[in-house]
Structures are given as C-alpha cells and as structure tokens.
C-alpha atoms as a PDB file:
ATOM      1  CA  MET A   1     -22.986  23.590 -45.897  1.00  0.00           C
ATOM      2  CA  ILE A   2     -24.602  26.373 -43.910  1.00  0.00           C
ATOM      3  CA  GLU A   3     -28.024  25.106 -45.090  1.00  0.00           C
ATOM      4  CA  ALA A   4     -27.234  21.495 -44.530  1.00  0.00           C
ATOM      5  CA  ARG A   5     -26.280  22.187 -40.929  1.00  0.00           C
ATOM      6  CA  ARG A   6     -29.490  24.204 -40.429  1.00  0.00           C
ATOM      7  CA  ARG A   7     -31.370  21.291 -41.822  1.00  0.00           C
ATOM      8  CA  ASP A   8     -29.669  18.881 -39.285  1.00  0.00           C
ATOM      9  CA  GLY A   9     -30.101  21.175 -36.366  1.00  0.00           C
ATOM     10  CA  ALA A  10     -34.145  21.542 -37.267  1.00  0.00           C
ATOM     11  CA  THR A  11     -33.959  17.710 -37.466  1.00  0.00           C
ATOM     12  CA  LYS A  12     -32.692  17.247 -34.146  1.00  0.00           C
ATOM     13  CA  ARG A  13     -35.100  19.790 -32.553  1.00  0.00           C
ATOM     14  CA  ALA A  14     -38.230  18.109 -34.275  1.00  0.00           C
ATOM     15  CA  ARG A  15     -36.887  14.631 -32.737  1.00  0.00           C
ATOM     16  CA  VAL A  16     -36.341  16.341 -29.340  1.00  0.00           C
ATOM     17  CA  LEU A  17     -39.916  17.843 -29.359  1.00  0.00           C
ATOM     18  CA  ALA A  18     -41.387  14.631 -30.594  1.00  0.00           C
ATOM     19  CA  VAL A  19     -39.530  12.665 -27.907  1.00  0.00           C
ATOM     20  CA  VAL A  20     -41.045  15.191 -25.249  1.00  0.00           C
ATOM     21  CA  GLU A  21     -44.452  14.875 -26.359  1.00  0.00           C
ATOM     22  CA  GLU A  22     -43.975  11.049 -26.392  1.00  0.00           C
ATOM     23  CA  MET A  23     -42.692  11.011 -22.791  1.00  0.00           C
ATOM     24  CA  ALA A  24     -45.646  13.251 -21.932  1.00  0.00           C
ATOM     25  CA  ALA A  25     -48.243  10.990 -23.387  1.00  0.00           C
ATOM     26  CA  CYS A  26     -46.648   7.786 -21.516  1.00  0.00           C
ATOM     27  CA  ALA A  27     -46.467   9.492 -18.293  1.00  0.00           C
ATOM     28  CA  THR A  28     -42.797   8.948 -18.166  1.00  0.00           C
ATOM     29  CA  PRO A  29     -40.855  11.470 -15.884  1.00  0.00           C
ATOM     30  CA  ILE A  30     -39.409  14.046 -18.106  1.00  0.00           C
ATOM     31  CA  THR A  31     -35.773  14.935 -17.488  1.00  0.00           C
ATOM     32  CA  PHE A  32     -33.180  17.036 -19.392  1.00  0.00           C
ATOM     33  CA  ALA A  33     -30.815  13.995 -19.436  1.00  0.00           C
ATOM     34  CA  GLU A  34     -33.610  11.429 -20.280  1.00  0.00           C
ATOM     35  CA  VAL A  35     -34.780  13.717 -23.159  1.00  0.00           C
ATOM     36  CA  ALA A  36     -31.315  13.983 -24.666  1.00  0.00           C
ATOM     37  CA  ARG A  37     -30.456  10.238 -24.231  1.00  0.00           C
ATOM     38  CA  THR A  38     -34.115   9.251 -25.721  1.00  0.00           C
ATOM     39  CA  ALA A  39     -33.626  11.785 -28.708  1.00  0.00           C
ATOM     40  CA  GLY A  40     -30.068  10.760 -29.197  1.00  0.00           C
ATOM     41  CA  VAL A  41     -28.780  14.362 -29.006  1.00  0.00           C
ATOM     42  CA  SER A  42     -26.213  16.084 -26.821  1.00  0.00           C
ATOM     43  CA  THR A  43     -27.428  17.762 -23.446  1.00  0.00           C
ATOM     44  CA  TRP A  44     -26.293  20.919 -24.763  1.00  0.00           C
ATOM     45  CA  LEU A  45     -29.108  20.875 -27.508  1.00  0.00           C
ATOM     46  CA  VAL A  46     -31.890  20.379 -24.917  1.00  0.00           C
ATOM     47  CA  TYR A  47     -30.717  23.240 -22.860  1.00  0.00           C
ATOM     48  CA  ALA A  48     -30.964  25.479 -25.913  1.00  0.00           C
ATOM     49  CA  PRO A  49     -33.628  27.981 -25.147  1.00  0.00           C
ATOM     50  CA  ASP A  50     -36.556  27.168 -27.524  1.00  0.00           C
ATOM     51  CA  VAL A  51     -36.292  23.550 -26.714  1.00  0.00           C
ATOM     52  CA  ARG A  52     -35.656  24.223 -22.807  1.00  0.00           C
ATOM     53  CA  GLN A  53     -38.787  26.194 -22.880  1.00  0.00           C
ATOM     54  CA  ALA A  54     -40.776  23.130 -24.507  1.00  0.00           C
ATOM     55  CA  ILE A  55     -39.405  20.504 -22.136  1.00  0.00           C
ATOM     56  CA  GLU A  56     -39.965  23.004 -18.968  1.00  0.00           C
ATOM     57  CA  ALA A  57     -43.760  23.277 -20.260  1.00  0.00           C
ATOM     58  CA  ALA A  58     -44.069  19.648 -20.405  1.00  0.00           C
ATOM     59  CA  ARG A  59     -42.583  18.957 -16.926  1.00  0.00           C
ATOM     60  CA  ALA A  60     -45.024  21.547 -15.719  1.00  0.00           C
ATOM     61  CA  ARG A  61     -48.027  19.941 -17.495  1.00  0.00           C
ATOM     62  CA  GLN A  62     -46.975  16.781 -16.223  1.00  0.00           C
ATOM     63  CA  SER A  63     -46.591  17.695 -12.753  1.00  0.00           C
ATOM     64  CA  GLY A  64     -49.916  19.555 -12.787  1.00  0.00           C
ATOM     65  CA  HIS A  65     -52.213  16.655 -13.439  1.00  0.00           C
ATOM     66  CA  ALA A  66     -50.765  13.542 -11.678  1.00  0.00           C
ATOM     67  CA  ASP A  67     -52.480  10.530 -13.171  1.00  0.00           C
ATOM     68  CA  PRO A  68     -52.849   8.040 -10.324  1.00  0.00           C
ATOM     69  CA  ASP A  69     -52.274   4.984 -12.667  1.00  0.00           C
ATOM     70  CA  ALA A  70     -48.869   6.591 -13.977  1.00  0.00           C
ATOM     71  CA  ARG A  71     -47.315   6.265 -10.737  1.00  0.00           C
ATOM     72  CA  ARG A  72     -48.112   2.289 -10.484  1.00  0.00           C
ATOM     73  CA  ARG A  73     -46.765   2.058 -14.226  1.00  0.00           C
ATOM     74  CA  ARG A  74     -43.636   3.960 -13.462  1.00  0.00           C
ATOM     75  CA  THR A  75     -42.737   2.029 -10.242  1.00  0.00           C
ATOM     76  CA  PRO A  76     -41.339  -1.576 -10.588  1.00  0.00           C
ATOM     77  CA  ASP A  77     -43.214  -4.680  -9.390  1.00  0.00           C
ATOM     78  CA  ARG A  78     -43.058  -4.948  -5.471  1.00  0.00           C
ATOM     79  CA  SER A  79     -41.562  -8.586  -5.661  1.00  0.00           C
ATOM     80  CA  ALA A  80     -38.737  -6.953  -8.008  1.00  0.00           C
ATOM     81  CA  ALA A  81     -38.234  -4.523  -5.379  1.00  0.00           C
ATOM     82  CA  ILE A  82     -37.922  -6.987  -2.816  1.00  0.00           C
ATOM     83  CA  ASP A  83     -35.584  -9.088  -4.922  1.00  0.00           C
ATOM     84  CA  LEU A  84     -33.247  -5.972  -5.396  1.00  0.00           C
ATOM     85  CA  ALA A  85     -33.181  -5.186  -1.675  1.00  0.00           C
ATOM     86  CA  LEU A  86     -32.591  -8.934  -1.076  1.00  0.00           C
ATOM     87  CA  ALA A  87     -29.667  -9.166  -3.679  1.00  0.00           C
ATOM     88  CA  ARG A  88     -28.172  -6.024  -2.238  1.00  0.00           C
ATOM     89  CA  ASP A  89     -28.170  -7.402   1.185  1.00  0.00           C
ATOM     90  CA  GLU A  90     -26.497 -10.557  -0.211  1.00  0.00           C
ATOM     91  CA  ILE A  91     -23.983  -8.701  -1.788  1.00  0.00           C
ATOM     92  CA  ALA A  92     -23.126  -6.492   1.167  1.00  0.00           C
ATOM     93  CA  ARG A  93     -22.916  -9.880   3.300  1.00  0.00           C
ATOM     94  CA  LEU A  94     -20.653 -11.487   0.506  1.00  0.00           C
ATOM     95  CA  ARG A  95     -18.353  -8.521   0.664  1.00  0.00           C
ATOM     96  CA  ALA A  96     -18.033  -8.401   4.448  1.00  0.00           C
ATOM     97  CA  GLU A  97     -17.031 -12.229   4.303  1.00  0.00           C
ATOM     98  CA  ARG A  98     -14.777 -11.445   1.350  1.00  0.00           C
ATOM     99  CA  ASP A  99     -13.174  -8.809   3.522  1.00  0.00           C
ATOM    100  CA  GLU A 100     -13.047 -10.938   6.740  1.00  0.00           C
ATOM    101  CA  GLN A 101     -11.331 -13.884   4.938  1.00  0.00           C
ATOM    102  CA  ARG A 102      -8.664 -11.582   3.197  1.00  0.00           C
ATOM    103  CA  ARG A 103      -7.801 -10.278   6.722  1.00  0.00           C
ATOM    104  CA  GLN A 104      -7.807 -13.966   8.195  1.00  0.00           C
ATOM    105  CA  LEU A 105      -5.452 -14.821   5.215  1.00  0.00           C
ATOM    106  CA  SER A 106      -3.295 -11.626   5.776  1.00  0.00           C
ATOM    107  CA  LEU A 107      -3.017 -12.711   9.261  1.00  0.00           C
ATOM    108  CA  ALA A 108      -2.191 -16.040   8.724  1.00  0.00           C
ATOM    109  CA  LEU A 109       0.287 -15.206   5.869  1.00  0.00           C
ATOM    110  CA  GLY A 110       2.108 -12.477   8.319  1.00  0.00           C
ATOM    111  CA  GLY A 111       2.375 -15.329  11.063  1.00  0.00           C
ATOM    112  CA  ARG A 112       4.093 -17.689   8.419  1.00  0.00           C
ATOM    113  CA  MET A 113       6.548 -14.914   7.477  1.00  0.00           C
ATOM    114  CA  ASP A 114       6.963 -14.242  11.309  1.00  0.00           C
ATOM    115  CA  ASP A 115       7.646 -17.843  11.727  1.00  0.00           C
ATOM    116  CA  LEU A 116      10.215 -17.822   9.058  1.00  0.00           C
ATOM    117  CA  ALA A 117      11.866 -14.553  10.071  1.00  0.00           C
ATOM    118  CA  LYS A 118      11.931 -15.974  13.609  1.00  0.00           C
ATOM    119  CA  ALA A 119      13.640 -19.121  12.466  1.00  0.00           C
ATOM    120  CA  ASP A 120      16.103 -17.230  10.477  1.00  0.00           C
ATOM    121  CA  LEU A 121      16.773 -14.680  13.315  1.00  0.00           C
ATOM    122  CA  VAL A 122      17.349 -17.835  15.687  1.00  0.00           C
ATOM    123  CA  ALA A 123      19.769 -19.320  13.533  1.00  0.00           C
ATOM    124  CA  ARG A 124      21.652 -16.174  12.870  1.00  0.00           C
ATOM    125  CA  ILE A 125      21.671 -15.691  16.731  1.00  0.00           C
ATOM    126  CA  ASP A 126      22.999 -19.281  17.097  1.00  0.00           C
ATOM    127  CA  GLU A 127      25.791 -18.517  14.512  1.00  0.00           C
ATOM    128  CA  VAL A 128      26.743 -15.223  16.035  1.00  0.00           C
ATOM    129  CA  THR A 129      26.677 -16.860  19.498  1.00  0.00           C
ATOM    130  CA  ARG A 130      29.200 -19.499  18.346  1.00  0.00           C
ATOM    131  CA  HIS A 131      31.465 -17.107  16.651  1.00  0.00           C
ATOM    132  CA  ASN A 132      31.317 -15.136  19.975  1.00  0.00           C
ATOM    133  CA  THR A 133      32.573 -17.945  22.138  1.00  0.00           C
ATOM    134  CA  ASP A 134      35.321 -18.549  19.443  1.00  0.00           C
ATOM    135  CA  LEU A 135      36.347 -15.332  19.735  1.00  0.00           C
ATOM    136  CA  ALA A 136      36.279 -15.309  23.434  1.00  0.00           C
ATOM    137  CA  ALA A 137      38.285 -18.587  23.512  1.00  0.00           C
ATOM    138  CA  ALA A 138      40.814 -16.956  21.094  1.00  0.00           C
ATOM    139  CA  LEU A 139      41.041 -13.984  23.464  1.00  0.00           C
ATOM    140  CA  ALA A 140      41.709 -16.056  26.455  1.00  0.00           C
ATOM    141  CA  ARG A 141      44.558 -17.870  24.741  1.00  0.00           C
ATOM    142  CA  GLN A 142      45.976 -14.689  23.540  1.00  0.00           C
ATOM    143  CA  GLN A 143      45.886 -13.311  26.797  1.00  0.00           C
ATOM    144  CA  SER A 144      47.381 -16.135  28.432  1.00  0.00           C
ATOM    145  CA  GLU A 145      50.012 -16.236  25.847  1.00  0.00           C
ATOM    146  CA  GLY A 146      50.421 -12.372  26.501  1.00  0.00           C
ATOM    147  CA  ALA A 147      50.949 -13.077  30.140  1.00  0.00           C
ATOM    148  CA  ALA A 148      53.390 -15.917  29.595  1.00  0.00           C
ATOM    149  CA  LEU A 149      55.264 -13.674  27.039  1.00  0.00           C
ATOM    150  CA  LYS A 150      55.496 -10.772  29.450  1.00  0.00           C
ATOM    151  CA  ALA A 151      56.541 -13.074  32.411  1.00  0.00           C
ATOM    152  CA  ARG A 152      59.411 -14.305  29.925  1.00  0.00           C
ATOM    153  CA  VAL A 153      60.134 -10.652  29.081  1.00  0.00           C
ATOM    154  CA  VAL A 154      60.665  -9.744  32.967  1.00  0.00           C
ATOM    155  CA  GLU A 155      62.860 -12.907  33.312  1.00  0.00           C
ATOM    156  CA  LEU A 156      65.089 -12.038  30.247  1.00  0.00           C
ATOM    157  CA  GLU A 157      65.202  -8.536  31.569  1.00  0.00           C
ATOM    158  CA  ASP A 158      66.497  -9.885  34.734  1.00  0.00           C
ATOM    159  CA  ASP A 159      68.862 -12.046  33.020  1.00  0.00           C
ATOM    160  CA  LEU A 160      70.186  -8.863  30.941  1.00  0.00           C
ATOM    161  CA  ALA A 161      70.287  -7.122  34.039  1.00  0.00           C
ATOM    162  CA  ALA A 162      72.263  -9.780  35.757  1.00  0.00           C
ATOM    163  CA  ALA A 163      74.819 -10.024  32.767  1.00  0.00           C
ATOM    164  CA  ARG A 164      75.281  -6.337  32.572  1.00  0.00           C
ATOM    165  CA  THR A 165      76.216  -6.221  36.389  1.00  0.00           C
ATOM    166  CA  SER A 166      78.430  -9.059  36.016  1.00  0.00           C
ATOM    167  CA  LEU A 167      79.975  -7.656  32.656  1.00  0.00           C
ATOM    168  CA  ARG A 168      80.705  -4.324  34.595  1.00  0.00           C
ATOM    169  CA  ARG A 169      82.477  -6.200  37.412  1.00  0.00           C
ATOM    170  CA  MET A 170      84.621  -8.114  35.055  1.00  0.00           C
ATOM    171  CA  ILE A 171      85.553  -5.042  33.325  1.00  0.00           C
ATOM    172  CA  ARG A 172      86.476  -3.339  36.711  1.00  0.00           C
ATOM    173  CA  ALA A 173      88.421  -6.284  37.965  1.00  0.00           C
ATOM    174  CA  GLU A 174      90.350  -6.329  34.883  1.00  0.00           C
ATOM    175  CA  ASN A 175      90.999  -2.474  34.933  1.00  0.00           C
ATOM    176  CA  SER A 176      91.917  -2.787  38.548  1.00  0.00           C
ATOM    177  CA  ALA A 177      94.198  -5.656  38.331  1.00  0.00           C
ATOM    178  CA  PRO A 178      98.390  -4.703  38.336  1.00  0.00           C
ATOM    179  CA  VAL A 179      99.686  -4.820  35.056  1.00  0.00           C
ATOM    180  CA  ARG A 180     102.423  -7.405  34.437  1.00  0.00           C
ATOM    181  CA  PRO A 181     105.339  -6.640  32.768  1.00  0.00           C
END
C-alpha cells in the first residue's frame, strides 16, 4: 500500500513537471494555480519543495526571455476585447435600468398602500366622529334629564319640608287644645 502511494505521488509529480514544460514551450504564463488545475492535482502538491523549485525555475526562464509574439498569442483579439467592454457597459446600463424600475415600482406600490390606508383611515375617522356625535347627544339628553330630576328633587324636598311643617303645627295644635271630658 505504501508502495502504491509512492508510485501515485511520483506519477502526479511527473505529470506536474510535464505540464510545466508544456506551458513553458507554449509561452503560456506559468502560475501555481494554473499548473495545479491543468495537471489535475492539488495546489498542495505544486507547493511541495521539489515541484515548487521546478515551477519557479520555469517562471524565471519564461520571464528572462520574453517572446514578442507570445504576448500577441496570449492577448485576446482586439475586437473580442471591445465586444467584452461593450457587453459589460450594456450589463451595467441594464442593471441601473432594472434598479430604477424597481425603485419606481416600490414608490407606486407604496403610494397605493398609502391610498388604501388613507381610505381606511378616513372611514374610521368618519365612524369615530359619528360615534362621538351620538355620545355627545346622549350626554346632552342625560344632562337635561339630570337637571330636570334635580329640579324635581328640589321641588319634592320643598313639598316634604312644607308637609313636615304642617304636620308639626297639627301636632302642636292637637297637643295644646283643651282636653274635653
């Protein structure tokens, strides 16, 4: 099992070194991430000491002698770059337009909600006003009935006082009259 792992590790290292040589021959920029992706290995392996040295040496060789045609091979066609820039501008414009439409829709829906809320509030205010008017009328009736009852109580108290006074006089008159045999 240990031997199988060693063979697998050696195979992967050989694959990484072959990818590095191929990239150097094609004048493709050599990066650790690109080497790991192309070779189909983990980035941990490309940072292993012996593999790392091979990659750094290839990068140094590549930067030491720059092929003027390699730069043109690596850069995309000018028209493709212009198309990409135009597409990005169009995407930015469409996003801004979408955001503006969302904002306008939000304002319109908010206005509708405000109108609905206002209509509900107006109806509720009318209802409360009617109820308040009814209560004010009931209060006025109760106050007038209360005033009438107070006047009746005063009148009855006066009648009671008069009746008491009359009763006292009668009792005195009866008590002060001579007794008849």
